[in-house]
């Protein structure tokens, strides 16, 4: 293996790592937003039930 090859591999794996990190963070934010919306809906349902009563 020459030095150039190892450098190329390191850059490639680094980029892949960044991509996976970004993807994971995006998934996490999406999950958090989804849960927030679910909580809002639950609150609205509870409020509606109380209001009906």
PDB file of N, CA and C in Angstrom:
ATOM      1  N   UNK A   1       0.856  -1.200   0.000  1.00  0.00           N
ATOM      2  CA  UNK A   1       0.000   0.000   0.000  1.00  0.00           C
ATOM      3  C   UNK A   1       0.887   1.244   0.000  1.00  0.00           C
ATOM      4  N   UNK A   2       0.595   2.164  -0.896  1.00  0.00           N
ATOM      5  CA  UNK A   2       1.361   3.406  -0.918  1.00  0.00           C
ATOM      6  C   UNK A   2       0.697   4.431  -0.006  1.00  0.00           C
ATOM      7  N   UNK A   3       1.399   5.519   0.276  1.00  0.00           N
ATOM      8  CA  UNK A   3       0.868   6.548   1.177  1.00  0.00           C
ATOM      9  C   UNK A   3      -0.405   7.160   0.582  1.00  0.00           C
ATOM     10  N   UNK A   4      -0.411   7.388  -0.738  1.00  0.00           N
ATOM     11  CA  UNK A   4      -1.571   7.991  -1.397  1.00  0.00           C
ATOM     12  C   UNK A   4      -2.825   7.162  -1.182  1.00  0.00           C
ATOM     13  N   UNK A   5      -2.681   5.822  -1.295  1.00  0.00           N
ATOM     14  CA  UNK A   5      -3.848   4.947  -1.133  1.00  0.00           C
ATOM     15  C   UNK A   5      -4.430   5.066   0.271  1.00  0.00           C
ATOM     16  N   UNK A   6      -3.550   5.069   1.270  1.00  0.00           N
ATOM     17  CA  UNK A   6      -4.047   5.146   2.653  1.00  0.00           C
ATOM     18  C   UNK A   6      -4.751   6.488   2.872  1.00  0.00           C
ATOM     19  N   UNK A   7      -4.182   7.564   2.322  1.00  0.00           N
ATOM     20  CA  UNK A   7      -4.805   8.878   2.473  1.00  0.00           C
ATOM     21  C   UNK A   7      -6.218   8.861   1.868  1.00  0.00           C
ATOM     22  N   UNK A   8      -6.318   8.291   0.667  1.00  0.00           N
ATOM     23  CA  UNK A   8      -7.606   8.242  -0.024  1.00  0.00           C
ATOM     24  C   UNK A   8      -8.617   7.460   0.819  1.00  0.00           C
ATOM     25  N   UNK A   9      -8.182   6.339   1.366  1.00  0.00           N
ATOM     26  CA  UNK A   9      -9.077   5.500   2.176  1.00  0.00           C
ATOM     27  C   UNK A   9      -9.541   6.265   3.417  1.00  0.00           C
ATOM     28  N   UNK A  10      -8.610   6.956   4.068  1.00  0.00           N
ATOM     29  CA  UNK A  10      -8.962   7.703   5.275  1.00  0.00           C
ATOM     30  C   UNK A  10     -10.015   8.758   4.969  1.00  0.00           C
ATOM     31  N   UNK A  11      -9.821   9.481   3.861  1.00  0.00           N
ATOM     32  CA  UNK A  11     -10.780  10.523   3.484  1.00  0.00           C
ATOM     33  C   UNK A  11     -12.144   9.891   3.220  1.00  0.00           C
ATOM     34  N   UNK A  12     -12.140   8.769   2.509  1.00  0.00           N
ATOM     35  CA  UNK A  12     -13.399   8.099   2.181  1.00  0.00           C
ATOM     36  C   UNK A  12     -14.124   7.671   3.447  1.00  0.00           C
ATOM     37  N   UNK A  13     -13.426   7.010   4.348  1.00  0.00           N
ATOM     38  CA  UNK A  13     -14.062   6.521   5.570  1.00  0.00           C
ATOM     39  C   UNK A  13     -14.518   7.707   6.428  1.00  0.00           C
ATOM     40  N   UNK A  14     -13.750   8.793   6.416  1.00  0.00           N
ATOM     41  CA  UNK A  14     -14.126   9.974   7.185  1.00  0.00           C
ATOM     42  C   UNK A  14     -15.439  10.545   6.650  1.00  0.00           C
ATOM     43  N   UNK A  15     -15.525  10.659   5.316  1.00  0.00           N
ATOM     44  CA  UNK A  15     -16.750  11.184   4.697  1.00  0.00           C
ATOM     45  C   UNK A  15     -17.932  10.299   5.060  1.00  0.00           C
ATOM     46  N   UNK A  16     -17.719   8.988   5.008  1.00  0.00           N
ATOM     47  CA  UNK A  16     -18.796   8.053   5.327  1.00  0.00           C
ATOM     48  C   UNK A  16     -19.230   8.262   6.778  1.00  0.00           C
ATOM     49  N   UNK A  17     -18.258   8.468   7.648  1.00  0.00           N
ATOM     50  CA  UNK A  17     -18.560   8.702   9.058  1.00  0.00           C
ATOM     51  C   UNK A  17     -19.388   9.957   9.241  1.00  0.00           C
ATOM     52  N   UNK A  18     -19.021  11.002   8.517  1.00  0.00           N
ATOM     53  CA  UNK A  18     -19.769  12.261   8.604  1.00  0.00           C
ATOM     54  C   UNK A  18     -21.194  12.036   8.107  1.00  0.00           C
ATOM     55  N   UNK A  19     -21.313  11.333   6.983  1.00  0.00           N
ATOM     56  CA  UNK A  19     -22.641  11.067   6.413  1.00  0.00           C
ATOM     57  C   UNK A  19     -23.512  10.331   7.415  1.00  0.00           C
ATOM     58  N   UNK A  20     -22.960   9.273   8.047  1.00  0.00           N
ATOM     59  CA  UNK A  20     -23.753   8.491   8.991  1.00  0.00           C
ATOM     60  C   UNK A  20     -24.114   9.346  10.199  1.00  0.00           C
ATOM     61  N   UNK A  21     -23.179  10.174  10.654  1.00  0.00           N
ATOM     62  CA  UNK A  21     -23.449  11.037  11.809  1.00  0.00           C
ATOM     63  C   UNK A  21     -24.585  12.000  11.490  1.00  0.00           C
ATOM     64  N   UNK A  22     -24.530  12.602  10.295  1.00  0.00           N
ATOM     65  CA  UNK A  22     -25.582  13.546   9.878  1.00  0.00           C
ATOM     66  C   UNK A  22     -26.915  12.814   9.776  1.00  0.00           C
ATOM     67  N   UNK A  23     -26.892  11.639   9.176  1.00  0.00           N
ATOM     68  CA  UNK A  23     -28.118  10.854   9.035  1.00  0.00           C
ATOM     69  C   UNK A  23     -28.714  10.516  10.391  1.00  0.00           C
ATOM     70  N   UNK A  24     -27.866  10.119  11.326  1.00  0.00           N
ATOM     71  CA  UNK A  24     -28.344   9.761  12.661  1.00  0.00           C
ATOM     72  C   UNK A  24     -28.946  10.971  13.353  1.00  0.00           C
ATOM     73  N   UNK A  25     -28.279  12.122  13.253  1.00  0.00           N
ATOM     74  CA  UNK A  25     -28.787  13.330  13.909  1.00  0.00           C
ATOM     75  C   UNK A  25     -30.117  13.733  13.287  1.00  0.00           C
ATOM     76  N   UNK A  26     -30.228  13.596  11.956  1.00  0.00           N
ATOM     77  CA  UNK A  26     -31.492  13.927  11.276  1.00  0.00           C
ATOM     78  C   UNK A  26     -32.599  12.995  11.758  1.00  0.00           C
ATOM     79  N   UNK A  27     -32.278  11.703  11.880  1.00  0.00           N
ATOM     80  CA  UNK A  27     -33.270  10.734  12.352  1.00  0.00           C
ATOM     81  C   UNK A  27     -33.710  11.095  13.762  1.00  0.00           C
ATOM     82  N   UNK A  28     -32.739  11.478  14.603  1.00  0.00           N
ATOM     83  CA  UNK A  28     -33.054  11.826  15.986  1.00  0.00           C
ATOM     84  C   UNK A  28     -33.975  13.040  16.035  1.00  0.00           C
ATOM     85  N   UNK A  29     -33.651  14.092  15.269  1.00  0.00           N
ATOM     86  CA  UNK A  29     -34.478  15.300  15.285  1.00  0.00           C
ATOM     87  C   UNK A  29     -35.877  14.967  14.759  1.00  0.00           C
ATOM     88  N   UNK A  30     -35.952  14.153  13.717  1.00  0.00           N
ATOM     89  CA  UNK A  30     -37.247  13.755  13.178  1.00  0.00           C
ATOM     90  C   UNK A  30     -38.055  12.995  14.214  1.00  0.00           C
ATOM     91  N   UNK A  31     -37.381  12.108  14.950  1.00  0.00           N
ATOM     92  CA  UNK A  31     -38.039  11.307  15.987  1.00  0.00           C
ATOM     93  C   UNK A  31     -38.564  12.213  17.094  1.00  0.00           C
ATOM     94  N   UNK A  32     -37.741  13.185  17.501  1.00  0.00           N
ATOM     95  CA  UNK A  32     -38.132  14.116  18.568  1.00  0.00           C
ATOM     96  C   UNK A  32     -39.351  14.926  18.113  1.00  0.00           C
ATOM     97  N   UNK A  33     -39.298  15.445  16.875  1.00  0.00           N
ATOM     98  CA  UNK A  33     -40.414  16.247  16.355  1.00  0.00           C
ATOM     99  C   UNK A  33     -41.675  15.395  16.289  1.00  0.00           C
ATOM    100  N   UNK A  34     -41.539  14.144  15.851  1.00  0.00           N
ATOM    101  CA  UNK A  34     -42.687  13.234  15.748  1.00  0.00           C
ATOM    102  C   UNK A  34     -43.307  13.035  17.127  1.00  0.00           C
ATOM    103  N   UNK A  35     -42.455  12.805  18.145  1.00  0.00           N
ATOM    104  CA  UNK A  35     -42.956  12.600  19.502  1.00  0.00           C
ATOM    105  C   UNK A  35     -43.636  13.859  20.023  1.00  0.00           C
ATOM    106  N   UNK A  36     -43.058  15.030  19.722  1.00  0.00           N
ATOM    107  CA  UNK A  36     -43.662  16.301  20.156  1.00  0.00           C
ATOM    108  C   UNK A  36     -45.061  16.424  19.574  1.00  0.00           C
ATOM    109  N   UNK A  37     -45.202  16.124  18.273  1.00  0.00           N
ATOM    110  CA  UNK A  37     -46.511  16.218  17.625  1.00  0.00           C
ATOM    111  C   UNK A  37     -47.490  15.247  18.259  1.00  0.00           C
ATOM    112  N   UNK A  38     -47.008  14.055  18.601  1.00  0.00           N
ATOM    113  CA  UNK A  38     -47.887  13.059  19.223  1.00  0.00           C
ATOM    114  C   UNK A  38     -48.371  13.570  20.579  1.00  0.00           C
ATOM    115  N   UNK A  39     -47.447  14.159  21.334  1.00  0.00           N
ATOM    116  CA  UNK A  39     -47.812  14.686  22.646  1.00  0.00           C
ATOM    117  C   UNK A  39     -48.849  15.799  22.493  1.00  0.00           C
ATOM    118  N   UNK A  40     -48.641  16.669  21.497  1.00  0.00           N
ATOM    119  CA  UNK A  40     -49.595  17.750  21.247  1.00  0.00           C
ATOM    120  C   UNK A  40     -50.969  17.182  20.963  1.00  0.00           C
ATOM    121  N   UNK A  41     -51.028  16.153  20.122  1.00  0.00           N
ATOM    122  CA  UNK A  41     -52.315  15.546  19.761  1.00  0.00           C
ATOM    123  C   UNK A  41     -52.981  14.960  21.001  1.00  0.00           C
ATOM    124  N   UNK A  42     -52.172  14.286  21.830  1.00  0.00           N
ATOM    125  CA  UNK A  42     -52.718  13.678  23.051  1.00  0.00           C
ATOM    126  C   UNK A  42     -53.304  14.770  23.937  1.00  0.00           C
ATOM    127  N   UNK A  43     -52.564  15.867  24.099  1.00  0.00           N
ATOM    128  CA  UNK A  43     -53.029  16.984  24.922  1.00  0.00           C
ATOM    129  C   UNK A  43     -54.347  17.526  24.359  1.00  0.00           C
ATOM    130  N   UNK A  44     -54.388  17.705  23.026  1.00  0.00           N
ATOM    131  CA  UNK A  44     -55.593  18.233  22.392  1.00  0.00           C
ATOM    132  C   UNK A  44     -56.771  17.293  22.650  1.00  0.00           C
ATOM    133  N   UNK A  45     -56.539  15.994  22.521  1.00  0.00           N
ATOM    134  CA  UNK A  45     -57.602  15.013  22.748  1.00  0.00           C
ATOM    135  C   UNK A  45     -58.105  15.121  24.179  1.00  0.00           C
ATOM    136  N   UNK A  46     -57.180  15.205  25.119  1.00  0.00           N
ATOM    137  CA  UNK A  46     -57.556  15.302  26.534  1.00  0.00           C
ATOM    138  C   UNK A  46     -58.357  16.582  26.760  1.00  0.00           C
ATOM    139  N   UNK A  47     -57.872  17.697  26.199  1.00  0.00           N
ATOM    140  CA  UNK A  47     -58.562  18.981  26.354  1.00  0.00           C
ATOM    141  C   UNK A  47     -59.968  18.906  25.766  1.00  0.00           C
ATOM    142  N   UNK A  48     -60.101  18.284  24.619  1.00  0.00           N
ATOM    143  CA  UNK A  48     -61.413  18.157  23.974  1.00  0.00           C
ATOM    144  C   UNK A  48     -62.357  17.360  24.857  1.00  0.00           C
ATOM    145  N   UNK A  49     -61.852  16.257  25.403  1.00  0.00           N
ATOM    146  CA  UNK A  49     -62.684  15.414  26.260  1.00  0.00           C
ATOM    147  C   UNK A  49     -63.155  16.212  27.474  1.00  0.00           C
ATOM    148  N   UNK A  50     -62.245  16.965  28.071  1.00  0.00           N
ATOM    149  CA  UNK A  50     -62.595  17.773  29.243  1.00  0.00           C
ATOM    150  C   UNK A  50     -63.627  18.825  28.840  1.00  0.00           C
ATOM    151  N   UNK A  51     -63.399  19.443  27.677  1.00  0.00           N
ATOM    152  CA  UNK A  51     -64.300  20.499  27.200  1.00  0.00           C
ATOM    153  C   UNK A  51     -65.704  19.941  26.952  1.00  0.00           C
ATOM    154  N   UNK A  52     -65.752  18.731  26.359  1.00  0.00           N
ATOM    155  CA  UNK A  52     -67.054  18.101  26.076  1.00  0.00           C
ATOM    156  C   UNK A  52     -67.786  17.850  27.396  1.00  0.00           C
ATOM    157  N   UNK A  53     -67.053  17.402  28.398  1.00  0.00           N
ATOM    158  CA  UNK A  53     -67.655  17.130  29.710  1.00  0.00           C
ATOM    159  C   UNK A  53     -68.062  18.451  30.332  1.00  0.00           C
TER     160      UNK A  53
END
